[in-house]
Amino acid sequence: MMRFFNRSLGALIAFVGFILSPLTWWNDLFVNLPIAYAVGLLTRKISPELFLPGLVVGYWMTNVLGLVLLYFGTAETLRPEGMRLNPQRIRNSLVVSAVYTLAVVVAFFSGWLPLPGDVRSLVR
């Protein structure tokens, strides 16, 4: 019975991750952008200039969170009987996700990566 509960919980976590992840074409309009907008509104309370950065970071984080939840939910659902999720593995995966996200943010703000839609920077 406990195994059924763990698999069901894993499937639920994977489903929420799928909804937040960039793997669906409709999630931006109905899920990620409203959440990102709410993050932007919260950061605007600190300073009006923080609205756009808060919106962008909120959007990126919903996508990263979606992929992480999808990974862990699927791992929980499909893992063999008796095998436990290792806390060190979970920590390592979260650190790698955070470092990757930070690297992308630094690359965007430093100009190493062009912003989406900025075709001119691709043909220099």
PDB file of N, CA and C in Angstrom:
ATOM      1  N   MET A   1       0.820  -1.195   0.000  1.00  0.00           N
ATOM      2  CA  MET A   1       0.000   0.000   0.000  1.00  0.00           C
ATOM      3  C   MET A   1       0.866   1.263   0.000  1.00  0.00           C
ATOM      4  N   MET A   2       1.961   1.233   0.763  1.00  0.00           N
ATOM      5  CA  MET A   2       2.842   2.389   0.818  1.00  0.00           C
ATOM      6  C   MET A   2       3.501   2.634  -0.541  1.00  0.00           C
ATOM      7  N   ARG A   3       3.844   1.562  -1.248  1.00  0.00           N
ATOM      8  CA  ARG A   3       4.455   1.711  -2.573  1.00  0.00           C
ATOM      9  C   ARG A   3       3.481   2.391  -3.535  1.00  0.00           C
ATOM     10  N   PHE A   4       2.201   2.026  -3.464  1.00  0.00           N
ATOM     11  CA  PHE A   4       1.177   2.663  -4.300  1.00  0.00           C
ATOM     12  C   PHE A   4       1.089   4.157  -3.990  1.00  0.00           C
ATOM     13  N   PHE A   5       1.138   4.499  -2.690  1.00  0.00           N
ATOM     14  CA  PHE A   5       1.095   5.906  -2.283  1.00  0.00           C
ATOM     15  C   PHE A   5       2.309   6.663  -2.829  1.00  0.00           C
ATOM     16  N   ASN A   6       3.518   6.077  -2.700  1.00  0.00           N
ATOM     17  CA  ASN A   6       4.734   6.734  -3.187  1.00  0.00           C
ATOM     18  C   ASN A   6       4.696   6.927  -4.702  1.00  0.00           C
ATOM     19  N   ARG A   7       4.228   5.912  -5.412  1.00  0.00           N
ATOM     20  CA  ARG A   7       4.135   6.046  -6.869  1.00  0.00           C
ATOM     21  C   ARG A   7       3.089   7.079  -7.259  1.00  0.00           C
ATOM     22  N   SER A   8       1.983   7.100  -6.555  1.00  0.00           N
ATOM     23  CA  SER A   8       0.938   8.093  -6.850  1.00  0.00           C
ATOM     24  C   SER A   8       1.438   9.510  -6.566  1.00  0.00           C
ATOM     25  N   LEU A   9       2.146   9.667  -5.453  1.00  0.00           N
ATOM     26  CA  LEU A   9       2.716  10.975  -5.127  1.00  0.00           C
ATOM     27  C   LEU A   9       3.751  11.370  -6.172  1.00  0.00           C
ATOM     28  N   GLY A  10       4.583  10.426  -6.598  1.00  0.00           N
ATOM     29  CA  GLY A  10       5.561  10.702  -7.646  1.00  0.00           C
ATOM     30  C   GLY A  10       4.894  11.108  -8.945  1.00  0.00           C
ATOM     31  N   ALA A  11       3.802  10.431  -9.292  1.00  0.00           N
ATOM     32  CA  ALA A  11       3.073  10.777 -10.515  1.00  0.00           C
ATOM     33  C   ALA A  11       2.470  12.176 -10.408  1.00  0.00           C
ATOM     34  N   LEU A  12       1.960  12.534  -9.243  1.00  0.00           N
ATOM     35  CA  LEU A  12       1.408  13.872  -9.035  1.00  0.00           C
ATOM     36  C   LEU A  12       2.497  14.942  -9.152  1.00  0.00           C
ATOM     37  N   ILE A  13       3.658  14.686  -8.546  1.00  0.00           N
ATOM     38  CA  ILE A  13       4.776  15.629  -8.634  1.00  0.00           C
ATOM     39  C   ILE A  13       5.231  15.765 -10.086  1.00  0.00           C
ATOM     40  N   ALA A  14       5.309  14.640 -10.816  1.00  0.00           N
ATOM     41  CA  ALA A  14       5.703  14.682 -12.232  1.00  0.00           C
ATOM     42  C   ALA A  14       4.675  15.461 -13.050  1.00  0.00           C
ATOM     43  N   PHE A  15       3.399  15.300 -12.749  1.00  0.00           N
ATOM     44  CA  PHE A  15       2.352  16.022 -13.472  1.00  0.00           C
ATOM     45  C   PHE A  15       2.477  17.529 -13.246  1.00  0.00           C
ATOM     46  N   VAL A  16       2.677  17.936 -12.001  1.00  0.00           N
ATOM     47  CA  VAL A  16       2.852  19.360 -11.706  1.00  0.00           C
ATOM     48  C   VAL A  16       4.110  19.879 -12.408  1.00  0.00           C
ATOM     49  N   GLY A  17       5.170  19.076 -12.399  1.00  0.00           N
ATOM     50  CA  GLY A  17       6.387  19.459 -13.112  1.00  0.00           C
ATOM     51  C   GLY A  17       6.154  19.614 -14.597  1.00  0.00           C
ATOM     52  N   PHE A  18       5.374  18.709 -15.177  1.00  0.00           N
ATOM     53  CA  PHE A  18       5.067  18.795 -16.599  1.00  0.00           C
ATOM     54  C   PHE A  18       4.279  20.069 -16.910  1.00  0.00           C
ATOM     55  N   ILE A  19       3.339  20.412 -16.042  1.00  0.00           N
ATOM     56  CA  ILE A  19       2.547  21.626 -16.242  1.00  0.00           C
ATOM     57  C   ILE A  19       3.439  22.867 -16.189  1.00  0.00           C
ATOM     58  N   LEU A  20       4.425  22.885 -15.299  1.00  0.00           N
ATOM     59  CA  LEU A  20       5.310  24.042 -15.173  1.00  0.00           C
ATOM     60  C   LEU A  20       6.451  24.043 -16.194  1.00  0.00           C
ATOM     61  N   SER A  21       6.777  22.889 -16.738  1.00  0.00           N
ATOM     62  CA  SER A  21       7.962  22.772 -17.593  1.00  0.00           C
ATOM     63  C   SER A  21       7.748  23.420 -18.958  1.00  0.00           C
ATOM     64  N   PRO A  22       8.840  23.657 -19.667  1.00  0.00           N
ATOM     65  CA  PRO A  22       8.713  24.218 -21.022  1.00  0.00           C
ATOM     66  C   PRO A  22       8.356  23.161 -22.068  1.00  0.00           C
ATOM     67  N   LEU A  23       7.929  21.990 -21.646  1.00  0.00           N
ATOM     68  CA  LEU A  23       7.607  20.913 -22.581  1.00  0.00           C
ATOM     69  C   LEU A  23       6.200  21.014 -23.162  1.00  0.00           C
ATOM     70  N   THR A  24       5.397  21.921 -22.654  1.00  0.00           N
ATOM     71  CA  THR A  24       4.045  22.105 -23.192  1.00  0.00           C
ATOM     72  C   THR A  24       3.970  23.463 -23.887  1.00  0.00           C
ATOM     73  N   TRP A  25       3.211  23.531 -24.945  1.00  0.00           N
ATOM     74  CA  TRP A  25       3.126  24.772 -25.717  1.00  0.00           C
ATOM     75  C   TRP A  25       2.195  25.796 -25.073  1.00  0.00           C
ATOM     76  N   TRP A  26       1.285  25.371 -24.234  1.00  0.00           N
ATOM     77  CA  TRP A  26       0.266  26.261 -23.695  1.00  0.00           C
ATOM     78  C   TRP A  26       0.575  26.735 -22.285  1.00  0.00           C
ATOM     79  N   ASN A  27       1.568  26.149 -21.632  1.00  0.00           N
ATOM     80  CA  ASN A  27       1.783  26.460 -20.218  1.00  0.00           C
ATOM     81  C   ASN A  27       2.230  27.900 -19.980  1.00  0.00           C
ATOM     82  N   ASP A  28       2.934  28.502 -20.934  1.00  0.00           N
ATOM     83  CA  ASP A  28       3.393  29.871 -20.719  1.00  0.00           C
ATOM     84  C   ASP A  28       2.229  30.827 -20.526  1.00  0.00           C
ATOM     85  N   LEU A  29       1.244  30.739 -21.400  1.00  0.00           N
ATOM     86  CA  LEU A  29       0.118  31.663 -21.347  1.00  0.00           C
ATOM     87  C   LEU A  29      -0.740  31.465 -20.097  1.00  0.00           C
ATOM     88  N   PHE A  30      -0.992  30.212 -19.728  1.00  0.00           N
ATOM     89  CA  PHE A  30      -1.945  29.940 -18.650  1.00  0.00           C
ATOM     90  C   PHE A  30      -1.314  29.694 -17.283  1.00  0.00           C
ATOM     91  N   VAL A  31      -0.023  29.348 -17.232  1.00  0.00           N
ATOM     92  CA  VAL A  31       0.589  28.990 -15.952  1.00  0.00           C
ATOM     93  C   VAL A  31       1.822  29.853 -15.657  1.00  0.00           C
ATOM     94  N   ASN A  32       2.851  29.743 -16.485  1.00  0.00           N
ATOM     95  CA  ASN A  32       4.135  30.367 -16.155  1.00  0.00           C
ATOM     96  C   ASN A  32       4.095  31.891 -16.173  1.00  0.00           C
ATOM     97  N   LEU A  33       3.476  32.491 -17.177  1.00  0.00           N
ATOM     98  CA  LEU A  33       3.435  33.954 -17.214  1.00  0.00           C
ATOM     99  C   LEU A  33       2.607  34.556 -16.083  1.00  0.00           C
ATOM    100  N   PRO A  34       1.449  33.990 -15.727  1.00  0.00           N
ATOM    101  CA  PRO A  34       0.758  34.542 -14.557  1.00  0.00           C
ATOM    102  C   PRO A  34       1.571  34.432 -13.264  1.00  0.00           C
ATOM    103  N   ILE A  35       2.274  33.318 -13.082  1.00  0.00           N
ATOM    104  CA  ILE A  35       3.122  33.183 -11.894  1.00  0.00           C
ATOM    105  C   ILE A  35       4.265  34.186 -11.961  1.00  0.00           C
ATOM    106  N   ALA A  36       4.894  34.318 -13.129  1.00  0.00           N
ATOM    107  CA  ALA A  36       5.997  35.267 -13.292  1.00  0.00           C
ATOM    108  C   ALA A  36       5.509  36.703 -13.077  1.00  0.00           C
ATOM    109  N   TYR A  37       4.317  37.014 -13.549  1.00  0.00           N
ATOM    110  CA  TYR A  37       3.754  38.350 -13.353  1.00  0.00           C
ATOM    111  C   TYR A  37       3.555  38.625 -11.858  1.00  0.00           C
ATOM    112  N   ALA A  38       3.085  37.613 -11.125  1.00  0.00           N
ATOM    113  CA  ALA A  38       2.905  37.771  -9.678  1.00  0.00           C
ATOM    114  C   ALA A  38       4.250  38.005  -8.988  1.00  0.00           C
ATOM    115  N   VAL A  39       5.286  37.300  -9.426  1.00  0.00           N
ATOM    116  CA  VAL A  39       6.629  37.520  -8.868  1.00  0.00           C
ATOM    117  C   VAL A  39       7.088  38.944  -9.194  1.00  0.00           C
ATOM    118  N   GLY A  40       6.822  39.394 -10.419  1.00  0.00           N
ATOM    119  CA  GLY A  40       7.171  40.764 -10.800  1.00  0.00           C
ATOM    120  C   GLY A  40       6.455  41.787  -9.936  1.00  0.00           C
ATOM    121  N   LEU A  41       5.175  41.547  -9.660  1.00  0.00           N
ATOM    122  CA  LEU A  41       4.425  42.472  -8.802  1.00  0.00           C
ATOM    123  C   LEU A  41       4.988  42.491  -7.387  1.00  0.00           C
ATOM    124  N   LEU A  42       5.398  41.333  -6.877  1.00  0.00           N
ATOM    125  CA  LEU A  42       5.987  41.285  -5.536  1.00  0.00           C
ATOM    126  C   LEU A  42       7.324  42.025  -5.485  1.00  0.00           C
ATOM    127  N   THR A  43       8.151  41.841  -6.517  1.00  0.00           N
ATOM    128  CA  THR A  43       9.439  42.539  -6.523  1.00  0.00           C
ATOM    129  C   THR A  43       9.259  44.038  -6.754  1.00  0.00           C
ATOM    130  N   ARG A  44       8.168  44.426  -7.421  1.00  0.00           N
ATOM    131  CA  ARG A  44       7.890  45.850  -7.632  1.00  0.00           C
ATOM    132  C   ARG A  44       7.603  46.545  -6.311  1.00  0.00           C
ATOM    133  N   LYS A  45       7.100  45.815  -5.322  1.00  0.00           N
ATOM    134  CA  LYS A  45       6.846  46.410  -4.017  1.00  0.00           C
ATOM    135  C   LYS A  45       8.150  46.827  -3.339  1.00  0.00           C
ATOM    136  N   ILE A  46       9.238  46.131  -3.671  1.00  0.00           N
ATOM    137  CA  ILE A  46      10.550  46.512  -3.142  1.00  0.00           C
ATOM    138  C   ILE A  46      11.043  47.766  -3.858  1.00  0.00           C
ATOM    139  N   SER A  47      10.972  47.725  -5.204  1.00  0.00           N
ATOM    140  CA  SER A  47      11.386  48.868  -6.011  1.00  0.00           C
ATOM    141  C   SER A  47      10.703  48.743  -7.375  1.00  0.00           C
ATOM    142  N   PRO A  48      10.143  49.831  -7.907  1.00  0.00           N
ATOM    143  CA  PRO A  48       9.463  49.756  -9.207  1.00  0.00           C
ATOM    144  C   PRO A  48      10.361  49.264 -10.343  1.00  0.00           C
ATOM    145  N   GLU A  49      11.668  49.526 -10.239  1.00  0.00           N
ATOM    146  CA  GLU A  49      12.588  49.078 -11.285  1.00  0.00           C
ATOM    147  C   GLU A  49      12.792  47.569 -11.283  1.00  0.00           C
ATOM    148  N   LEU A  50      12.384  46.894 -10.232  1.00  0.00           N
ATOM    149  CA  LEU A  50      12.587  45.449 -10.123  1.00  0.00           C
ATOM    150  C   LEU A  50      11.458  44.629 -10.750  1.00  0.00           C
ATOM    151  N   PHE A  51      10.434  45.294 -11.300  1.00  0.00           N
ATOM    152  CA  PHE A  51       9.321  44.541 -11.874  1.00  0.00           C
ATOM    153  C   PHE A  51       9.776  43.629 -13.012  1.00  0.00           C
ATOM    154  N   LEU A  52      10.455  44.183 -14.017  1.00  0.00           N
ATOM    155  CA  LEU A  52      10.869  43.387 -15.176  1.00  0.00           C
ATOM    156  C   LEU A  52      11.880  42.302 -14.800  1.00  0.00           C
ATOM    157  N   PRO A  53      12.924  42.616 -14.009  1.00  0.00           N
ATOM    158  CA  PRO A  53      13.813  41.525 -13.597  1.00  0.00           C
ATOM    159  C   PRO A  53      13.088  40.449 -12.782  1.00  0.00           C
ATOM    160  N   GLY A  54      12.169  40.848 -11.932  1.00  0.00           N
ATOM    161  CA  GLY A  54      11.387  39.874 -11.160  1.00  0.00           C
ATOM    162  C   GLY A  54      10.530  39.009 -12.056  1.00  0.00           C
ATOM    163  N   LEU A  55       9.934  39.617 -13.080  1.00  0.00           N
ATOM    164  CA  LEU A  55       9.135  38.878 -14.046  1.00  0.00           C
ATOM    165  C   LEU A  55       9.988  37.840 -14.774  1.00  0.00           C
ATOM    166  N   VAL A  56      11.168  38.256 -15.235  1.00  0.00           N
ATOM    167  CA  VAL A  56      12.048  37.353 -15.973  1.00  0.00           C
ATOM    168  C   VAL A  56      12.539  36.221 -15.081  1.00  0.00           C
ATOM    169  N   VAL A  57      13.001  36.548 -13.882  1.00  0.00           N
ATOM    170  CA  VAL A  57      13.481  35.516 -12.963  1.00  0.00           C
ATOM    171  C   VAL A  57      12.340  34.585 -12.563  1.00  0.00           C
ATOM    172  N   GLY A  58      11.158  35.122 -12.324  1.00  0.00           N
ATOM    173  CA  GLY A  58      10.000  34.284 -12.009  1.00  0.00           C
ATOM    174  C   GLY A  58       9.673  33.326 -13.140  1.00  0.00           C
ATOM    175  N   TYR A  59       9.760  33.799 -14.371  1.00  0.00           N
ATOM    176  CA  TYR A  59       9.494  32.939 -15.526  1.00  0.00           C
ATOM    177  C   TYR A  59      10.533  31.831 -15.643  1.00  0.00           C
ATOM    178  N   TRP A  60      11.804  32.207 -15.524  1.00  0.00           N
ATOM    179  CA  TRP A  60      12.862  31.196 -15.601  1.00  0.00           C
ATOM    180  C   TRP A  60      12.707  30.162 -14.493  1.00  0.00           C
ATOM    181  N   MET A  61      12.410  30.635 -13.289  1.00  0.00           N
ATOM    182  CA  MET A  61      12.321  29.706 -12.162  1.00  0.00           C
ATOM    183  C   MET A  61      11.131  28.748 -12.293  1.00  0.00           C
ATOM    184  N   THR A  62      10.019  29.199 -12.878  1.00  0.00           N
ATOM    185  CA  THR A  62       8.909  28.261 -13.075  1.00  0.00           C
ATOM    186  C   THR A  62       9.310  27.152 -14.032  1.00  0.00           C
ATOM    187  N   ASN A  63      10.062  27.487 -15.067  1.00  0.00           N
ATOM    188  CA  ASN A  63      10.506  26.466 -16.010  1.00  0.00           C
ATOM    189  C   ASN A  63      11.516  25.514 -15.380  1.00  0.00           C
ATOM    190  N   VAL A  64      12.469  26.047 -14.630  1.00  0.00           N
ATOM    191  CA  VAL A  64      13.467  25.195 -13.969  1.00  0.00           C
ATOM    192  C   VAL A  64      12.781  24.315 -12.924  1.00  0.00           C
ATOM    193  N   LEU A  65      11.909  24.905 -12.122  1.00  0.00           N
ATOM    194  CA  LEU A  65      11.181  24.130 -11.121  1.00  0.00           C
ATOM    195  C   LEU A  65      10.366  23.025 -11.789  1.00  0.00           C
ATOM    196  N   GLY A  66       9.744  23.331 -12.905  1.00  0.00           N
ATOM    197  CA  GLY A  66       8.972  22.317 -13.625  1.00  0.00           C
ATOM    198  C   GLY A  66       9.834  21.146 -14.061  1.00  0.00           C
ATOM    199  N   LEU A  67      11.000  21.422 -14.602  1.00  0.00           N
ATOM    200  CA  LEU A  67      11.885  20.330 -15.042  1.00  0.00           C
ATOM    201  C   LEU A  67      12.402  19.515 -13.861  1.00  0.00           C
ATOM    202  N   VAL A  68      12.731  20.196 -12.757  1.00  0.00           N
ATOM    203  CA  VAL A  68      13.210  19.475 -11.570  1.00  0.00           C
ATOM    204  C   VAL A  68      12.098  18.600 -10.999  1.00  0.00           C
ATOM    205  N   LEU A  69      10.886  19.142 -10.878  1.00  0.00           N
ATOM    206  CA  LEU A  69       9.765  18.344 -10.371  1.00  0.00           C
ATOM    207  C   LEU A  69       9.446  17.177 -11.296  1.00  0.00           C
ATOM    208  N   LEU A  70       9.512  17.409 -12.586  1.00  0.00           N
ATOM    209  CA  LEU A  70       9.270  16.341 -13.552  1.00  0.00           C
ATOM    210  C   LEU A  70      10.298  15.226 -13.378  1.00  0.00           C
ATOM    211  N   TYR A  71      11.553  15.597 -13.201  1.00  0.00           N
ATOM    212  CA  TYR A  71      12.618  14.615 -13.010  1.00  0.00           C
ATOM    213  C   TYR A  71      12.398  13.786 -11.746  1.00  0.00           C
ATOM    214  N   PHE A  72      12.191  14.465 -10.606  1.00  0.00           N
ATOM    215  CA  PHE A  72      12.058  13.742  -9.344  1.00  0.00           C
ATOM    216  C   PHE A  72      10.750  12.964  -9.261  1.00  0.00           C
ATOM    217  N   GLY A  73       9.684  13.508  -9.796  1.00  0.00           N
ATOM    218  CA  GLY A  73       8.416  12.768  -9.790  1.00  0.00           C
ATOM    219  C   GLY A  73       8.494  11.512 -10.633  1.00  0.00           C
ATOM    220  N   THR A  74       9.118  11.616 -11.796  1.00  0.00           N
ATOM    221  CA  THR A  74       9.279  10.449 -12.654  1.00  0.00           C
ATOM    222  C   THR A  74      10.212   9.436 -12.002  1.00  0.00           C
ATOM    223  N   ALA A  75      11.293   9.917 -11.381  1.00  0.00           N
ATOM    224  CA  ALA A  75      12.226   9.009 -10.698  1.00  0.00           C
ATOM    225  C   ALA A  75      11.515   8.255  -9.581  1.00  0.00           C
ATOM    226  N   GLU A  76      10.658   8.939  -8.828  1.00  0.00           N
ATOM    227  CA  GLU A  76       9.926   8.279  -7.740  1.00  0.00           C
ATOM    228  C   GLU A  76       8.915   7.269  -8.287  1.00  0.00           C
ATOM    229  N   THR A  77       8.276   7.618  -9.373  1.00  0.00           N
ATOM    230  CA  THR A  77       7.258   6.734  -9.939  1.00  0.00           C
ATOM    231  C   THR A  77       7.878   5.476 -10.541  1.00  0.00           C
ATOM    232  N   LEU A  78       9.031   5.601 -11.164  1.00  0.00           N
ATOM    233  CA  LEU A  78       9.626   4.486 -11.901  1.00  0.00           C
ATOM    234  C   LEU A  78      10.712   3.730 -11.151  1.00  0.00           C
ATOM    235  N   ARG A  79      11.107   4.181  -9.968  1.00  0.00           N
ATOM    236  CA  ARG A  79      12.202   3.502  -9.275  1.00  0.00           C
ATOM    237  C   ARG A  79      11.769   2.107  -8.831  1.00  0.00           C
ATOM    238  N   PRO A  80      12.725   1.175  -8.856  1.00  0.00           N
ATOM    239  CA  PRO A  80      12.398  -0.198  -8.459  1.00  0.00           C
ATOM    240  C   PRO A  80      12.030  -0.300  -6.977  1.00  0.00           C
ATOM    241  N   GLU A  81      11.323  -1.340  -6.645  1.00  0.00           N
ATOM    242  CA  GLU A  81      10.895  -1.605  -5.265  1.00  0.00           C
ATOM    243  C   GLU A  81      12.121  -1.726  -4.361  1.00  0.00           C
ATOM    244  N   GLY A  82      12.101  -1.074  -3.233  1.00  0.00           N
ATOM    245  CA  GLY A  82      13.180  -1.167  -2.263  1.00  0.00           C
ATOM    246  C   GLY A  82      14.314  -0.179  -2.487  1.00  0.00           C
ATOM    247  N   MET A  83      14.367   0.446  -3.637  1.00  0.00           N
ATOM    248  CA  MET A  83      15.421   1.429  -3.901  1.00  0.00           C
ATOM    249  C   MET A  83      14.973   2.780  -3.360  1.00  0.00           C
ATOM    250  N   ARG A  84      15.836   3.432  -2.603  1.00  0.00           N
ATOM    251  CA  ARG A  84      15.493   4.716  -1.991  1.00  0.00           C
ATOM    252  C   ARG A  84      16.143   5.855  -2.773  1.00  0.00           C
ATOM    253  N   LEU A  85      15.474   6.988  -2.784  1.00  0.00           N
ATOM    254  CA  LEU A  85      16.094   8.179  -3.358  1.00  0.00           C
ATOM    255  C   LEU A  85      17.155   8.674  -2.381  1.00  0.00           C
ATOM    256  N   ASN A  86      18.327   8.879  -2.865  1.00  0.00           N
ATOM    257  CA  ASN A  86      19.457   9.301  -2.066  1.00  0.00           C
ATOM    258  C   ASN A  86      19.406  10.818  -1.871  1.00  0.00           C
ATOM    259  N   PRO A  87      19.408  11.296  -0.618  1.00  0.00           N
ATOM    260  CA  PRO A  87      19.378  12.748  -0.392  1.00  0.00           C
ATOM    261  C   PRO A  87      20.561  13.469  -1.040  1.00  0.00           C
ATOM    262  N   GLN A  88      21.721  12.823  -1.096  1.00  0.00           N
ATOM    263  CA  GLN A  88      22.885  13.436  -1.731  1.00  0.00           C
ATOM    264  C   GLN A  88      22.640  13.614  -3.233  1.00  0.00           C
ATOM    265  N   ARG A  89      21.987  12.648  -3.863  1.00  0.00           N
ATOM    266  CA  ARG A  89      21.670  12.749  -5.291  1.00  0.00           C
ATOM    267  C   ARG A  89      20.684  13.893  -5.537  1.00  0.00           C
ATOM    268  N   ILE A  90      19.706  14.022  -4.667  1.00  0.00           N
ATOM    269  CA  ILE A  90      18.731  15.112  -4.784  1.00  0.00           C
ATOM    270  C   ILE A  90      19.443  16.457  -4.652  1.00  0.00           C
ATOM    271  N   ARG A  91      20.300  16.582  -3.646  1.00  0.00           N
ATOM    272  CA  ARG A  91      21.043  17.823  -3.438  1.00  0.00           C
ATOM    273  C   ARG A  91      21.911  18.142  -4.646  1.00  0.00           C
ATOM    274  N   ASN A  92      22.627  17.144  -5.163  1.00  0.00           N
ATOM    275  CA  ASN A  92      23.490  17.362  -6.319  1.00  0.00           C
ATOM    276  C   ASN A  92      22.689  17.821  -7.538  1.00  0.00           C
ATOM    277  N   SER A  93      21.538  17.225  -7.761  1.00  0.00           N
ATOM    278  CA  SER A  93      20.698  17.618  -8.896  1.00  0.00           C
ATOM    279  C   SER A  93      20.211  19.049  -8.751  1.00  0.00           C
ATOM    280  N   LEU A  94      19.821  19.438  -7.548  1.00  0.00           N
ATOM    281  CA  LEU A  94      19.368  20.807  -7.320  1.00  0.00           C
ATOM    282  C   LEU A  94      20.509  21.808  -7.486  1.00  0.00           C
ATOM    283  N   VAL A  95      21.712  21.447  -7.036  1.00  0.00           N
ATOM    284  CA  VAL A  95      22.863  22.335  -7.195  1.00  0.00           C
ATOM    285  C   VAL A  95      23.200  22.507  -8.673  1.00  0.00           C
ATOM    286  N   VAL A  96      23.189  21.408  -9.428  1.00  0.00           N
ATOM    287  CA  VAL A  96      23.482  21.490 -10.860  1.00  0.00           C
ATOM    288  C   VAL A  96      22.441  22.357 -11.565  1.00  0.00           C
ATOM    289  N   SER A  97      21.168  22.197 -11.218  1.00  0.00           N
ATOM    290  CA  SER A  97      20.112  23.016 -11.814  1.00  0.00           C
ATOM    291  C   SER A  97      20.311  24.496 -11.483  1.00  0.00           C
ATOM    292  N   ALA A  98      20.664  24.790 -10.249  1.00  0.00           N
ATOM    293  CA  ALA A  98      20.870  26.181  -9.842  1.00  0.00           C
ATOM    294  C   ALA A  98      22.087  26.785 -10.544  1.00  0.00           C
ATOM    295  N   VAL A  99      23.170  26.027 -10.640  1.00  0.00           N
ATOM    296  CA  VAL A  99      24.373  26.532 -11.310  1.00  0.00           C
ATOM    297  C   VAL A  99      24.101  26.768 -12.790  1.00  0.00           C
ATOM    298  N   TYR A 100      23.387  25.845 -13.426  1.00  0.00           N
ATOM    299  CA  TYR A 100      23.046  26.009 -14.835  1.00  0.00           C
ATOM    300  C   TYR A 100      22.186  27.258 -15.040  1.00  0.00           C
ATOM    301  N   THR A 101      21.197  27.444 -14.203  1.00  0.00           N
ATOM    302  CA  THR A 101      20.333  28.618 -14.310  1.00  0.00           C
ATOM    303  C   THR A 101      21.136  29.900 -14.097  1.00  0.00           C
ATOM    304  N   LEU A 102      22.014  29.910 -13.118  1.00  0.00           N
ATOM    305  CA  LEU A 102      22.853  31.075 -12.871  1.00  0.00           C
ATOM    306  C   LEU A 102      23.756  31.359 -14.071  1.00  0.00           C
ATOM    307  N   ALA A 103      24.298  30.309 -14.683  1.00  0.00           N
ATOM    308  CA  ALA A 103      25.150  30.490 -15.860  1.00  0.00           C
ATOM    309  C   ALA A 103      24.372  31.115 -17.014  1.00  0.00           C
ATOM    310  N   VAL A 104      23.139  30.693 -17.219  1.00  0.00           N
ATOM    311  CA  VAL A 104      22.312  31.262 -18.287  1.00  0.00           C
ATOM    312  C   VAL A 104      21.989  32.722 -17.989  1.00  0.00           C
ATOM    313  N   VAL A 105      21.675  33.030 -16.743  1.00  0.00           N
ATOM    314  CA  VAL A 105      21.372  34.413 -16.367  1.00  0.00           C
ATOM    315  C   VAL A 105      22.597  35.302 -16.598  1.00  0.00           C
ATOM    316  N   VAL A 106      23.763  34.847 -16.173  1.00  0.00           N
ATOM    317  CA  VAL A 106      24.990  35.620 -16.373  1.00  0.00           C
ATOM    318  C   VAL A 106      25.264  35.801 -17.866  1.00  0.00           C
ATOM    319  N   ALA A 107      25.053  34.750 -18.653  1.00  0.00           N
ATOM    320  CA  ALA A 107      25.292  34.833 -20.098  1.00  0.00           C
ATOM    321  C   ALA A 107      24.341  35.834 -20.758  1.00  0.00           C
ATOM    322  N   PHE A 108      23.090  35.873 -20.342  1.00  0.00           N
ATOM    323  CA  PHE A 108      22.144  36.832 -20.899  1.00  0.00           C
ATOM    324  C   PHE A 108      22.513  38.264 -20.518  1.00  0.00           C
ATOM    325  N   PHE A 109      22.763  38.498 -19.239  1.00  0.00           N
ATOM    326  CA  PHE A 109      23.019  39.862 -18.792  1.00  0.00           C
ATOM    327  C   PHE A 109      24.382  40.387 -19.221  1.00  0.00           C
ATOM    328  N   SER A 110      25.313  39.510 -19.501  1.00  0.00           N
ATOM    329  CA  SER A 110      26.630  39.960 -19.963  1.00  0.00           C
ATOM    330  C   SER A 110      26.671  40.135 -21.473  1.00  0.00           C
ATOM    331  N   GLY A 111      25.633  39.689 -22.175  1.00  0.00           N
ATOM    332  CA  GLY A 111      25.578  39.836 -23.614  1.00  0.00           C
ATOM    333  C   GLY A 111      26.183  38.673 -24.386  1.00  0.00           C
ATOM    334  N   TRP A 112      26.608  37.628 -23.704  1.00  0.00           N
ATOM    335  CA  TRP A 112      27.173  36.462 -24.384  1.00  0.00           C
ATOM    336  C   TRP A 112      26.119  35.708 -25.169  1.00  0.00           C
ATOM    337  N   LEU A 113      24.910  35.681 -24.663  1.00  0.00           N
ATOM    338  CA  LEU A 113      23.782  35.050 -25.353  1.00  0.00           C
ATOM    339  C   LEU A 113      22.806  36.140 -25.761  1.00  0.00           C
ATOM    340  N   PRO A 114      22.323  36.105 -26.999  1.00  0.00           N
ATOM    341  CA  PRO A 114      21.345  37.123 -27.403  1.00  0.00           C
ATOM    342  C   PRO A 114      19.987  36.830 -26.766  1.00  0.00           C
ATOM    343  N   LEU A 115      19.246  37.886 -26.531  1.00  0.00           N
ATOM    344  CA  LEU A 115      17.885  37.707 -26.047  1.00  0.00           C
ATOM    345  C   LEU A 115      17.039  37.096 -27.148  1.00  0.00           C
ATOM    346  N   PRO A 116      16.028  36.310 -26.809  1.00  0.00           N
ATOM    347  CA  PRO A 116      15.160  35.733 -27.840  1.00  0.00           C
ATOM    348  C   PRO A 116      14.566  36.830 -28.714  1.00  0.00           C
ATOM    349  N   GLY A 117      14.625  36.638 -30.025  1.00  0.00           N
ATOM    350  CA  GLY A 117      14.093  37.610 -30.958  1.00  0.00           C
ATOM    351  C   GLY A 117      15.109  38.634 -31.421  1.00  0.00           C
ATOM    352  N   ASP A 118      16.292  38.660 -30.821  1.00  0.00           N
ATOM    353  CA  ASP A 118      17.328  39.603 -31.210  1.00  0.00           C
ATOM    354  C   ASP A 118      18.202  38.969 -32.283  1.00  0.00           C
ATOM    355  N   VAL A 119      17.673  38.933 -33.511  1.00  0.00           N
ATOM    356  CA  VAL A 119      18.339  38.257 -34.635  1.00  0.00           C
ATOM    357  C   VAL A 119      19.605  38.992 -35.058  1.00  0.00           C
ATOM    358  N   ARG A 120      19.615  40.294 -34.885  1.00  0.00           N
ATOM    359  CA  ARG A 120      20.779  41.083 -35.310  1.00  0.00           C
ATOM    360  C   ARG A 120      22.056  40.601 -34.649  1.00  0.00           C
ATOM    361  N   SER A 121      21.972  40.190 -33.390  1.00  0.00           N
ATOM    362  CA  SER A 121      23.185  39.758 -32.693  1.00  0.00           C
ATOM    363  C   SER A 121      23.668  38.396 -33.192  1.00  0.00           C
ATOM    364  N   LEU A 122      22.838  37.656 -33.887  1.00  0.00           N
ATOM    365  CA  LEU A 122      23.260  36.358 -34.409  1.00  0.00           C
ATOM    366  C   LEU A 122      24.036  36.461 -35.707  1.00  0.00           C
ATOM    367  N   VAL A 123      23.872  37.565 -36.444  1.00  0.00           N
ATOM    368  CA  VAL A 123      24.497  37.685 -37.756  1.00  0.00           C
ATOM    369  C   VAL A 123      25.698  38.635 -37.760  1.00  0.00           C
ATOM    370  N   ARG A 124      26.202  38.991 -36.619  1.00  0.00           N
ATOM    371  CA  ARG A 124      27.384  39.872 -36.540  1.00  0.00           C
ATOM    372  C   ARG A 124      28.614  39.166 -36.993  1.00  0.00           C
TER     373      ARG A 124
END
